[in-house]
Amino acid sequence: MEGSSSDAQNPLNCPICLDILKDPVTTSCGHSFCMNCIKKVWDREIQSGVCSCPNCRQTFNQRPTLRKSTVLAEIVKGVKYAPIAGPGDEGCDVCRVQKRKAIKSCLVCLASYCQIHVQPHYASETFKKHKLVEPGLQQQICSQHHKALEIYCQDDRKCICVLCTGDKHRGHRTISAAAEMVEKQKELKIRRRNIKRNMTNRKKKVEEFGKAVNQHKRSALEAVKETDNIFTEMINIIQERQAVVRAMVTTHMKQQVTQAENHIQMLNTEIHHLQEEDDQLEPLLQTEDYNYFFQNYSFSSGLSLRTSPSKDVNNVVTFENVTKSVSELKTQLEKVCVKHKDRISKTVADVQICKATSPFICKYSEIHENHYSTL
């Protein structure tokens, strides 16, 4: 059994049965026992009229009332089935029989601890100044000097130990790894703010384009309906022109909507990429393990925002001018229809959801796209 009497140093073992605590209770002197174990001891001692703590021998004039320690019971419940170290796992250096999987390593003790044996580092004032990191001492300790990698070499961009500063890294620019990590995290915070800002801007663009598309669709349908009515009044003379304008407006609307929807999809893709970059930065900003931080910082520092050609919603997204133009044709008959044909075509083409992109912006975006493709 995990945590059995073979592991006598386990702080969660009962001092009486030497097994892991079951229904733990704590006496006023601060020692914990299985409820049944301490009851049996006191059942024997009660005949003498005095109960005592089996651990420190403090006596009690009256038999203490025992209540289950809820907090301790939860701790026991969590560690009773602590996983055993498997292939590739860091094993606990305290477990003697069957090593449990280590959950923390101490850079002061130079040892790794499972969920059970790490508890003194949290509970005892003696260990308050010890540095706990993610398990994996081989990555946290200098292989040459067997010292903690607490120094950051700015020239070689790697963590080293204090003895390395007088050896291979003599004369190099060095700083506390913790201090360097703080500075790098400040840079990442700025990068993250930029990501958030760009995400917000793109979300606004998506909303603007969505509204423009809806307005564009509604206006197109209204224009088709109104021009239908106008052309109906013009009867035979206008029927041919009516069909031409209807097809012109409908086709142009579909082209514009397709263009705008493609741009919306591109913006949503960029938002997704930005969210992925933000998710990669999150663990680097939350970790206290500077070695883990610098192992992954080089990758995160290369992350860059992908930008698409800048487009804005055009002011002219409705077909009102088309309707006005067709209304004028009502009084002109056939000879005026020929004159207004080119004018109608132009007003339809002027209805753009996306504003035209300037050559400078297109060239700028092209350069950045080429840059991102090489990352």
Protein backbone atom coordinates (compact mmCIF):
# COMPACT_ATOMS: atom_id res chain seq x y z
CA MET A 1 0.00 0.00 0.00
CA GLU A 2 1.25 3.50 -0.81
CA GLY A 3 2.11 5.36 2.33
CA SER A 4 2.29 2.14 4.41
CA SER A 5 4.54 1.42 7.41
CA SER A 6 7.46 0.87 5.05
CA ASP A 7 7.48 4.64 4.57
CA ALA A 8 7.85 5.64 8.20
CA GLN A 9 8.96 9.19 7.39
CA ASN A 10 5.68 9.97 5.70
CA PRO A 11 4.22 12.93 7.65
CA LEU A 12 0.74 11.68 6.82
CA ASN A 13 1.28 8.30 8.48
CA CYS A 14 -0.35 7.55 11.83
CA PRO A 15 2.31 7.29 14.60
CA ILE A 16 0.35 4.35 16.08
CA CYS A 17 -0.39 2.03 13.16
CA LEU A 18 2.31 3.54 10.89
CA ASP A 19 -0.15 3.44 8.01
CA ILE A 20 -1.56 6.44 6.15
CA LEU A 21 -4.11 8.34 8.27
CA LYS A 22 -7.69 7.13 8.15
CA ASP A 23 -10.40 9.45 9.52
CA PRO A 24 -7.63 11.73 10.89
CA VAL A 25 -8.08 13.56 14.19
CA THR A 26 -5.70 16.08 15.81
CA THR A 27 -5.17 16.43 19.54
CA SER A 28 -4.72 19.74 21.33
CA CYS A 29 -0.97 19.13 21.41
CA GLY A 30 -0.91 19.17 17.62
CA HIS A 31 -0.37 15.50 16.77
CA SER A 32 -2.61 13.59 14.37
CA PHE A 33 -3.78 9.97 14.53
CA CYS A 34 -6.32 7.63 12.98
CA MET A 35 -9.55 8.06 14.92
CA ASN A 36 -9.81 4.34 15.72
CA CYS A 37 -6.14 4.09 16.70
CA ILE A 38 -6.24 6.88 19.29
CA LYS A 39 -9.60 5.65 20.59
CA LYS A 40 -8.14 2.20 21.25
CA VAL A 41 -5.15 3.72 23.07
CA TRP A 42 -7.37 5.89 25.25
CA ASP A 43 -9.77 3.01 25.90
CA ARG A 44 -6.86 1.22 27.58
CA GLU A 45 -5.59 4.31 29.40
CA ILE A 46 -8.98 5.45 30.68
CA GLN A 47 -8.80 2.86 33.43
CA SER A 48 -5.99 4.87 35.00
CA GLY A 49 -8.08 8.02 34.76
CA VAL A 50 -5.60 9.92 32.59
CA CYS A 51 -5.28 10.00 28.78
CA SER A 52 -2.04 10.94 27.06
CA CYS A 53 -0.70 11.66 23.58
CA PRO A 54 1.14 8.57 22.28
CA ASN A 55 3.56 10.85 20.45
CA CYS A 56 4.65 13.48 22.98
CA ARG A 57 3.13 11.93 26.14
CA GLN A 58 1.25 15.08 27.10
CA THR A 59 -1.51 14.11 29.53
CA PHE A 60 -5.14 15.18 29.60
CA ASN A 61 -7.18 15.19 32.84
CA GLN A 62 -10.32 14.49 30.82
CA ARG A 63 -10.64 12.36 27.75
CA PRO A 64 -10.62 14.84 24.86
CA THR A 65 -13.53 14.96 22.47
CA LEU A 66 -12.35 13.85 19.03
CA ARG A 67 -13.53 15.48 15.84
CA LYS A 68 -12.46 14.52 12.34
CA SER A 69 -9.95 16.94 10.85
CA THR A 70 -11.65 17.93 7.60
CA VAL A 71 -8.66 19.74 6.11
CA LEU A 72 -6.25 16.91 6.92
CA ALA A 73 -8.73 14.36 5.59
CA GLU A 74 -8.85 16.21 2.25
CA ILE A 75 -5.04 16.25 2.09
CA VAL A 76 -4.89 12.53 2.82
CA LYS A 77 -7.56 11.87 0.22
CA GLY A 78 -5.57 13.76 -2.36
CA VAL A 79 -2.23 12.03 -1.67
CA LYS A 80 -3.39 8.52 -0.80
CA TYR A 81 -3.47 7.58 -4.43
CA ALA A 82 -0.54 9.72 -5.55
CA PRO A 83 0.72 8.38 -8.91
CA ILE A 84 3.77 6.15 -9.01
CA ALA A 85 6.72 7.41 -11.05
CA GLY A 86 6.74 5.81 -14.47
CA PRO A 87 9.29 5.76 -17.29
CA GLY A 88 10.44 9.30 -17.98
CA ASP A 89 8.94 10.67 -14.72
CA GLU A 90 10.98 12.37 -12.02
CA GLY A 91 10.81 10.15 -8.91
CA CYS A 92 10.52 11.34 -5.31
CA ASP A 93 13.92 11.27 -3.56
CA VAL A 94 12.33 10.51 -0.17
CA CYS A 95 10.15 7.53 -1.06
CA ARG A 96 12.11 4.41 -0.20
CA VAL A 97 10.07 1.45 -1.42
CA GLN A 98 7.99 2.53 -4.41
CA LYS A 99 8.86 5.98 -5.64
CA ARG A 100 5.94 8.28 -6.32
CA LYS A 101 5.93 10.81 -9.13
CA ALA A 102 7.61 14.06 -8.09
CA ILE A 103 5.51 17.22 -8.36
CA LYS A 104 8.18 19.72 -7.21
CA SER A 105 11.96 19.99 -7.03
CA CYS A 106 13.85 22.10 -4.47
CA LEU A 107 16.88 24.05 -5.67
CA VAL A 108 18.19 24.33 -2.11
CA CYS A 109 17.76 20.69 -1.07
CA LEU A 110 18.68 19.52 -4.59
CA ALA A 111 15.94 16.92 -4.29
CA SER A 112 12.56 16.16 -5.82
CA TYR A 113 9.43 15.45 -3.80
CA CYS A 114 6.10 13.75 -4.38
CA GLN A 115 2.79 15.21 -3.27
CA ILE A 116 3.25 13.72 0.21
CA HIS A 117 6.87 14.56 0.98
CA VAL A 118 6.72 18.11 -0.37
CA GLN A 119 4.27 19.11 2.38
CA PRO A 120 6.99 20.15 4.91
CA HIS A 121 8.18 22.77 2.40
CA TYR A 122 4.75 24.37 2.61
CA ALA A 123 4.12 23.87 6.32
CA SER A 124 7.49 24.43 8.03
CA GLU A 125 9.15 27.83 8.50
CA THR A 126 12.50 26.08 7.98
CA PHE A 127 11.75 25.59 4.31
CA LYS A 128 10.06 28.94 3.62
CA LYS A 129 13.11 30.35 1.82
CA HIS A 130 13.64 27.23 -0.30
CA LYS A 131 12.96 27.60 -4.04
CA LEU A 132 10.44 25.07 -5.38
CA VAL A 133 10.31 24.60 -9.14
CA GLU A 134 8.75 22.17 -11.57
CA PRO A 135 10.24 18.65 -11.28
CA GLY A 136 13.38 17.97 -13.30
CA LEU A 137 16.57 18.72 -11.37
CA GLN A 138 18.79 17.75 -14.28
CA GLN A 139 17.49 20.78 -16.13
CA GLN A 140 17.74 23.02 -13.06
CA ILE A 141 21.28 22.12 -11.95
CA CYS A 142 24.59 22.89 -13.64
CA SER A 143 25.96 19.59 -14.95
CA GLN A 144 29.54 20.76 -14.38
CA HIS A 145 29.36 22.41 -10.95
CA HIS A 146 26.17 20.83 -9.54
CA LYS A 147 24.85 24.24 -8.54
CA ALA A 148 21.45 25.78 -9.17
CA LEU A 149 21.13 27.70 -12.46
CA GLU A 150 20.31 31.02 -10.83
CA ILE A 151 22.33 33.38 -13.08
CA TYR A 152 21.41 34.52 -16.59
CA CYS A 153 24.22 35.16 -19.09
CA GLN A 154 23.06 37.97 -21.39
CA ASP A 155 25.85 37.29 -23.86
CA ASP A 156 25.07 33.59 -24.33
CA ARG A 157 21.37 33.95 -23.48
CA LYS A 158 21.23 30.99 -21.12
CA CYS A 159 20.99 30.21 -17.41
CA ILE A 160 24.21 29.35 -15.59
CA CYS A 161 25.31 28.71 -12.02
CA VAL A 162 27.34 31.09 -9.86
CA LEU A 163 30.56 29.12 -10.47
CA CYS A 164 30.12 29.38 -14.25
CA THR A 165 30.59 33.16 -13.98
CA GLY A 166 34.23 32.62 -13.12
CA ASP A 167 34.71 29.80 -15.61
CA LYS A 168 33.40 29.67 -19.19
CA HIS A 169 31.41 32.87 -18.76
CA ARG A 170 34.16 35.00 -17.24
CA GLY A 171 33.76 38.61 -18.35
CA HIS A 172 30.27 38.05 -19.70
CA ARG A 173 27.33 40.26 -18.82
CA THR A 174 25.38 38.40 -16.14
CA ILE A 175 22.33 39.14 -14.05
CA SER A 176 20.05 37.32 -11.65
CA ALA A 177 17.88 34.94 -13.66
CA ALA A 178 14.87 36.03 -11.63
CA ALA A 179 15.54 39.71 -12.38
CA GLU A 180 16.09 39.03 -16.08
CA MET A 181 12.86 37.05 -16.23
CA VAL A 182 10.99 40.01 -14.71
CA GLU A 183 12.35 42.29 -17.45
CA LYS A 184 11.51 39.82 -20.20
CA GLN A 185 8.03 39.36 -18.81
CA LYS A 186 7.59 43.14 -18.99
CA GLU A 187 8.39 42.91 -22.70
CA LEU A 188 5.91 40.08 -23.09
CA LYS A 189 3.25 42.13 -21.29
CA ILE A 190 3.76 44.94 -23.79
CA ARG A 191 3.57 42.44 -26.64
CA ARG A 192 0.42 41.00 -25.16
CA ARG A 193 -1.18 44.44 -24.85
CA ASN A 194 -0.44 45.01 -28.53
CA ILE A 195 -2.05 41.68 -29.36
CA LYS A 196 -5.13 42.55 -27.33
CA ARG A 197 -5.36 45.94 -29.01
CA ASN A 198 -5.06 44.43 -32.48
CA MET A 199 -7.64 41.80 -31.63
CA THR A 200 -10.02 44.53 -30.47
CA ASN A 201 -9.45 46.53 -33.65
CA ARG A 202 -10.13 43.54 -35.84
CA LYS A 203 -13.24 42.60 -33.93
CA LYS A 204 -14.51 46.13 -34.50
CA LYS A 205 -13.74 45.77 -38.20
CA VAL A 206 -15.66 42.49 -38.29
CA GLU A 207 -18.64 44.18 -36.67
CA GLU A 208 -18.46 47.12 -39.08
CA PHE A 209 -18.23 44.86 -42.10
CA GLY A 210 -21.07 42.70 -40.81
CA LYS A 211 -23.33 45.72 -40.48
CA ALA A 212 -22.27 47.00 -43.88
CA VAL A 213 -23.00 43.65 -45.51
CA ASN A 214 -26.49 43.56 -44.00
CA GLN A 215 -27.15 47.13 -45.04
CA HIS A 216 -25.72 46.40 -48.47
CA LYS A 217 -28.00 43.38 -48.89
CA ARG A 218 -31.08 45.22 -47.69
CA SER A 219 -30.34 48.20 -49.92
CA ALA A 220 -29.73 45.95 -52.91
CA LEU A 221 -33.06 44.21 -52.39
CA GLU A 222 -34.81 47.55 -51.97
CA ALA A 223 -33.13 48.92 -55.08
CA VAL A 224 -34.19 45.89 -57.10
CA LYS A 225 -37.77 46.24 -55.86
CA GLU A 226 -37.99 49.98 -56.54
CA THR A 227 -36.40 49.75 -59.95
CA ASP A 228 -38.80 46.94 -60.76
CA ASN A 229 -41.70 49.26 -60.03
CA ILE A 230 -40.17 52.07 -62.09
CA PHE A 231 -39.46 49.82 -65.02
CA THR A 232 -42.96 48.34 -64.84
CA GLU A 233 -44.44 51.85 -65.31
CA MET A 234 -42.23 52.38 -68.33
CA ILE A 235 -43.79 49.25 -69.85
CA ASN A 236 -42.36 48.05 -73.14
CA ILE A 237 -39.91 50.89 -73.73
CA ILE A 238 -38.10 50.29 -70.42
CA GLN A 239 -38.49 46.50 -70.11
CA GLU A 240 -35.16 45.77 -71.76
CA ARG A 241 -33.34 48.31 -69.58
CA GLN A 242 -35.16 46.98 -66.50
CA ALA A 243 -33.70 43.52 -66.99
CA VAL A 244 -30.23 44.96 -67.56
CA VAL A 245 -30.24 47.05 -64.38
CA ARG A 246 -31.73 44.23 -62.27
CA ALA A 247 -28.99 41.85 -63.35
CA MET A 248 -26.36 44.57 -62.89
CA VAL A 249 -27.40 45.38 -59.31
CA THR A 250 -27.86 41.75 -58.24
CA THR A 251 -24.55 40.63 -59.73
CA HIS A 252 -22.65 43.53 -58.23
CA MET A 253 -24.25 42.95 -54.83
CA LYS A 254 -23.17 39.31 -54.88
CA GLN A 255 -19.63 40.24 -55.88
CA GLN A 256 -19.39 42.86 -53.14
CA VAL A 257 -20.88 40.58 -50.50
CA THR A 258 -18.51 37.77 -51.49
CA GLN A 259 -15.55 40.15 -51.27
CA ALA A 260 -16.63 41.47 -47.88
CA GLU A 261 -17.37 38.02 -46.47
CA ASN A 262 -13.94 36.80 -47.62
CA HIS A 263 -12.37 39.75 -45.81
CA ILE A 264 -14.38 38.95 -42.67
CA GLN A 265 -13.14 35.37 -42.81
CA MET A 266 -9.55 36.61 -43.11
CA LEU A 267 -10.01 38.90 -40.09
CA ASN A 268 -11.47 36.04 -38.03
CA THR A 269 -8.48 33.88 -39.00
CA GLU A 270 -6.12 36.61 -37.77
CA ILE A 271 -8.09 36.84 -34.53
CA HIS A 272 -7.66 33.09 -34.11
CA HIS A 273 -3.87 33.39 -34.70
CA LEU A 274 -3.69 36.24 -32.20
CA GLN A 275 -5.53 34.14 -29.60
CA GLU A 276 -3.09 31.27 -30.17
CA GLU A 277 -0.14 33.62 -29.62
CA ASP A 278 -1.80 34.98 -26.48
CA ASP A 279 -2.29 31.42 -25.17
CA GLN A 280 1.43 30.69 -25.76
CA LEU A 281 2.43 33.77 -23.80
CA GLU A 282 0.14 32.97 -20.82
CA PRO A 283 2.30 30.21 -19.18
CA LEU A 284 5.46 32.34 -19.57
CA LEU A 285 3.82 35.21 -17.72
CA GLN A 286 2.49 32.97 -14.94
CA THR A 287 5.54 30.74 -14.29
CA GLU A 288 7.97 31.34 -11.47
CA ASP A 289 10.43 28.84 -12.96
CA TYR A 290 12.94 31.01 -14.76
CA ASN A 291 14.71 28.05 -16.33
CA TYR A 292 11.46 26.85 -17.87
CA PHE A 293 10.83 30.47 -18.90
CA PHE A 294 14.08 30.89 -20.81
CA GLN A 295 13.80 27.48 -22.40
CA ASN A 296 10.57 28.63 -24.02
CA TYR A 297 11.19 32.38 -24.28
CA SER A 298 13.27 32.18 -27.43
CA PHE A 299 10.32 30.66 -29.28
CA SER A 300 7.73 33.10 -27.89
CA SER A 301 9.91 36.11 -28.63
CA GLY A 302 9.72 35.22 -32.31
CA LEU A 303 5.95 35.40 -32.39
CA SER A 304 4.68 38.16 -34.59
CA LEU A 305 1.32 39.49 -35.63
CA ARG A 306 0.13 38.54 -39.11
CA THR A 307 -1.58 41.43 -40.77
CA SER A 308 -3.75 41.51 -43.85
CA PRO A 309 -4.20 44.40 -46.28
CA SER A 310 -6.05 47.14 -44.42
CA LYS A 311 -9.60 47.70 -45.60
CA ASP A 312 -12.37 49.83 -44.19
CA VAL A 313 -16.08 49.89 -44.83
CA ASN A 314 -16.93 52.23 -47.70
CA ASN A 315 -19.36 55.09 -47.09
CA VAL A 316 -21.39 54.13 -50.16
CA VAL A 317 -22.99 50.74 -49.47
CA THR A 318 -26.57 51.42 -50.60
CA PHE A 319 -28.17 51.56 -54.02
CA GLU A 320 -30.15 54.76 -53.44
CA ASN A 321 -28.39 56.53 -56.29
CA VAL A 322 -29.35 53.69 -58.59
CA THR A 323 -33.00 54.14 -57.68
CA LYS A 324 -32.80 57.89 -58.31
CA SER A 325 -31.17 57.37 -61.64
CA VAL A 326 -33.84 54.89 -62.71
CA SER A 327 -36.57 57.29 -61.54
CA GLU A 328 -35.23 59.92 -63.91
CA LEU A 329 -35.53 57.46 -66.74
CA LYS A 330 -39.28 57.24 -66.14
CA THR A 331 -39.79 60.54 -67.99
CA GLN A 332 -37.24 60.04 -70.74
CA LEU A 333 -38.47 57.07 -72.83
CA GLU A 334 -36.24 55.08 -75.11
CA LYS A 335 -33.86 57.77 -76.37
CA VAL A 336 -33.02 58.79 -72.79
CA CYS A 337 -32.42 55.15 -71.79
CA VAL A 338 -29.43 55.00 -74.11
CA LYS A 339 -28.04 58.20 -72.60
CA HIS A 340 -28.43 56.91 -69.01
CA LYS A 341 -27.15 53.39 -69.53
CA ASP A 342 -23.52 54.24 -68.72
CA ARG A 343 -24.54 56.42 -65.80
CA ILE A 344 -26.54 53.58 -64.20
CA SER A 345 -23.64 51.21 -64.59
CA LYS A 346 -21.29 53.64 -62.89
CA THR A 347 -23.57 54.23 -59.90
CA VAL A 348 -23.91 50.48 -59.38
CA ALA A 349 -20.12 50.07 -59.47
CA ASP A 350 -19.71 52.88 -56.93
CA VAL A 351 -21.56 50.87 -54.27
CA GLN A 352 -18.52 49.35 -52.47
CA ILE A 353 -18.51 47.72 -49.04
CA CYS A 354 -14.69 47.93 -48.77
CA LYS A 355 -12.82 51.13 -49.34
CA ALA A 356 -10.07 50.96 -51.91
CA THR A 357 -6.69 50.12 -50.35
CA SER A 358 -3.90 52.61 -50.97
CA PRO A 359 -0.83 51.35 -52.91
CA PHE A 360 1.40 52.15 -49.92
CA ILE A 361 -0.66 50.05 -47.54
CA CYS A 362 -0.80 47.18 -50.04
CA LYS A 363 2.98 47.26 -50.41
CA TYR A 364 3.46 47.50 -46.61
CA SER A 365 1.16 44.53 -46.01
CA GLU A 366 2.89 42.52 -48.75
CA ILE A 367 6.28 43.08 -47.07
CA HIS A 368 4.92 41.96 -43.70
CA GLU A 369 3.22 38.91 -45.15
CA ASN A 370 6.52 37.86 -46.70
CA HIS A 371 8.22 38.43 -43.34
CA TYR A 372 5.69 36.27 -41.45
CA SER A 373 5.95 33.46 -43.98
CA THR A 374 9.63 33.06 -43.11
CA LEU A 375 9.00 32.72 -39.36
